[in-house]
Amino acid sequence: MGSRGGPKVFSHYRDSALGLSLRESLQELVENGEMDPQTAVKVLAQFDRSVTELLVAKSKHSAVISGKLHTYRNLDTQWLFTVKDARVQVAEDVLRLDMLKIVACDSIDRTSQQKNKK
C-alpha cells in the first residue's frame, strides 16, 4: 500500500511510450525555461499516481502466462522473469511470443517495513 492507504505507486511506467513522451516534453519545457524543474518532478509524480490508480480501477481481466522460464532475478522488491516460447492469454485474446520479459513488483513496500523494524 502507498503512504496514504492506496495502491503502491511505481515509477517504472515512465518507461512506457506515454511516459517517455511526457518526460521528453517536460525536459524540453525545463530546458526552454518554460517550466521549473520542481514542477516537472511534481508532474511525473502525478503521472505515476494516475497510471497506478487507472490500472487498479480499470483492470478487469487477469492474464494467464505459460512458457519455459529462461531466467529470473530478484532485487529488493522487483522481480525480472524471462520466458521463452511464451503464450499470454487475456480474456479471449491469445498472444504468442518467442521471448517475454516480465517485470513484477511487490505491491507491499517491504523495504520500508524492514527499515521500520530496526
Protein backbone atom coordinates (compact mmCIF):
# COMPACT_ATOMS: atom_id res chain seq x y z
CA MET A 1 0.00 0.00 0.00
CA GLY A 2 1.10 3.55 -0.60
CA SER A 3 1.68 6.00 2.20
CA ARG A 4 -1.95 7.23 2.00
CA GLY A 5 -3.58 3.79 2.05
CA GLY A 6 -3.93 3.49 -1.73
CA PRO A 7 -2.00 1.20 -4.04
CA LYS A 8 1.77 1.37 -4.02
CA VAL A 9 2.96 3.73 -6.76
CA PHE A 10 5.77 2.76 -9.13
CA SER A 11 7.80 5.00 -11.41
CA HIS A 12 8.55 2.29 -13.99
CA TYR A 13 5.51 3.37 -16.04
CA ARG A 14 7.68 6.33 -17.04
CA ASP A 15 9.46 3.93 -19.42
CA SER A 16 6.24 3.29 -21.39
CA ALA A 17 5.71 5.12 -24.69
CA LEU A 18 3.41 7.62 -22.98
CA GLY A 19 5.80 8.09 -20.07
CA LEU A 20 8.79 8.63 -22.38
CA SER A 21 6.87 11.24 -24.37
CA LEU A 22 5.90 13.02 -21.18
CA ARG A 23 9.49 13.00 -19.91
CA GLU A 24 10.80 14.36 -23.22
CA SER A 25 8.19 17.13 -23.23
CA LEU A 26 8.92 18.08 -19.64
CA GLN A 27 12.65 18.12 -20.32
CA GLU A 28 12.12 20.42 -23.30
CA LEU A 29 9.94 22.77 -21.22
CA VAL A 30 12.57 22.90 -18.47
CA GLU A 31 15.41 23.47 -20.94
CA ASN A 32 13.46 26.32 -22.61
CA GLY A 33 12.80 27.93 -19.24
CA GLU A 34 9.04 27.46 -19.61
CA MET A 35 8.79 25.22 -16.53
CA ASP A 36 10.89 24.93 -13.41
CA PRO A 37 12.42 21.51 -12.56
CA GLN A 38 10.38 21.18 -9.34
CA THR A 39 7.14 21.42 -11.30
CA ALA A 40 8.38 18.79 -13.76
CA VAL A 41 9.11 16.44 -10.85
CA LYS A 42 5.59 17.05 -9.48
CA VAL A 43 4.08 16.30 -12.91
CA LEU A 44 5.99 13.00 -13.11
CA ALA A 45 4.90 12.05 -9.59
CA GLN A 46 1.27 12.77 -10.52
CA PHE A 47 1.69 10.69 -13.70
CA ASP A 48 2.93 7.77 -11.57
CA ARG A 49 -0.08 8.06 -9.23
CA SER A 50 -2.59 8.47 -12.07
CA VAL A 51 -1.35 5.48 -14.07
CA THR A 52 -1.39 3.27 -10.96
CA GLU A 53 -4.90 4.39 -9.97
CA LEU A 54 -6.19 3.91 -13.53
CA LEU A 55 -4.77 0.39 -13.79
CA VAL A 56 -6.27 -0.58 -10.45
CA ALA A 57 -9.67 0.88 -11.35
CA LYS A 58 -9.91 -0.33 -14.96
CA SER A 59 -8.22 -3.75 -14.88
CA LYS A 60 -10.99 -6.30 -15.25
CA HIS A 61 -9.11 -9.32 -16.56
CA SER A 62 -6.27 -11.48 -15.39
CA ALA A 63 -3.55 -12.69 -17.71
CA VAL A 64 -2.57 -16.33 -17.98
CA ILE A 65 1.06 -16.74 -18.98
CA SER A 66 2.70 -20.01 -19.92
CA GLY A 67 6.04 -20.94 -21.44
CA LYS A 68 9.54 -22.01 -20.46
CA LEU A 69 11.13 -19.97 -17.67
CA HIS A 70 14.50 -18.95 -19.06
CA THR A 71 15.86 -16.69 -16.30
CA TYR A 72 14.66 -14.97 -13.16
CA ARG A 73 16.20 -12.40 -10.85
CA ASN A 74 15.16 -10.53 -7.73
CA LEU A 75 16.47 -7.23 -6.41
CA ASP A 76 14.78 -5.77 -3.34
CA THR A 77 11.08 -5.98 -4.22
CA GLN A 78 11.45 -6.19 -8.01
CA TRP A 79 11.44 -9.44 -9.98
CA LEU A 80 12.56 -9.91 -13.58
CA PHE A 81 11.39 -13.03 -15.42
CA THR A 82 12.33 -14.05 -18.96
CA VAL A 83 10.01 -16.61 -20.54
CA LYS A 84 10.78 -18.42 -23.81
CA ASP A 85 8.03 -19.61 -26.17
CA ALA A 86 5.50 -17.60 -24.17
CA ARG A 87 1.75 -17.74 -24.53
CA VAL A 88 -0.21 -14.87 -22.97
CA GLN A 89 -3.99 -15.06 -22.70
CA VAL A 90 -6.19 -12.19 -21.55
CA ALA A 91 -9.90 -12.99 -21.78
CA GLU A 92 -10.32 -14.46 -25.28
CA ASP A 93 -7.18 -12.88 -26.78
CA VAL A 94 -4.04 -15.01 -27.11
CA LEU A 95 -0.56 -13.71 -27.92
CA ARG A 96 2.40 -15.97 -28.70
CA LEU A 97 5.96 -14.66 -28.30
CA ASP A 98 9.42 -16.12 -28.79
CA MET A 99 10.62 -14.26 -25.69
CA LEU A 100 8.68 -12.40 -22.99
CA LYS A 101 10.23 -10.17 -20.33
CA ILE A 102 8.14 -9.61 -17.20
CA VAL A 103 8.95 -7.04 -14.54
CA ALA A 104 6.96 -7.62 -11.38
CA CYS A 105 7.00 -5.53 -8.23
CA ASP A 106 5.73 -6.24 -4.75
CA SER A 107 2.55 -4.33 -4.01
CA ILE A 108 3.76 -4.07 -0.41
CA ASP A 109 6.82 -1.94 0.31
CA ARG A 110 8.94 -4.49 2.20
CA THR A 111 11.97 -2.19 2.17
CA SER A 112 10.09 0.35 4.33
CA GLN A 113 8.81 -2.44 6.57
CA GLN A 114 12.37 -3.67 7.19
CA LYS A 115 13.58 -0.13 7.99
CA ASN A 116 10.69 0.32 10.46
CA LYS A 117 11.63 -2.90 12.27
CA LYS A 118 15.11 -1.60 13.06
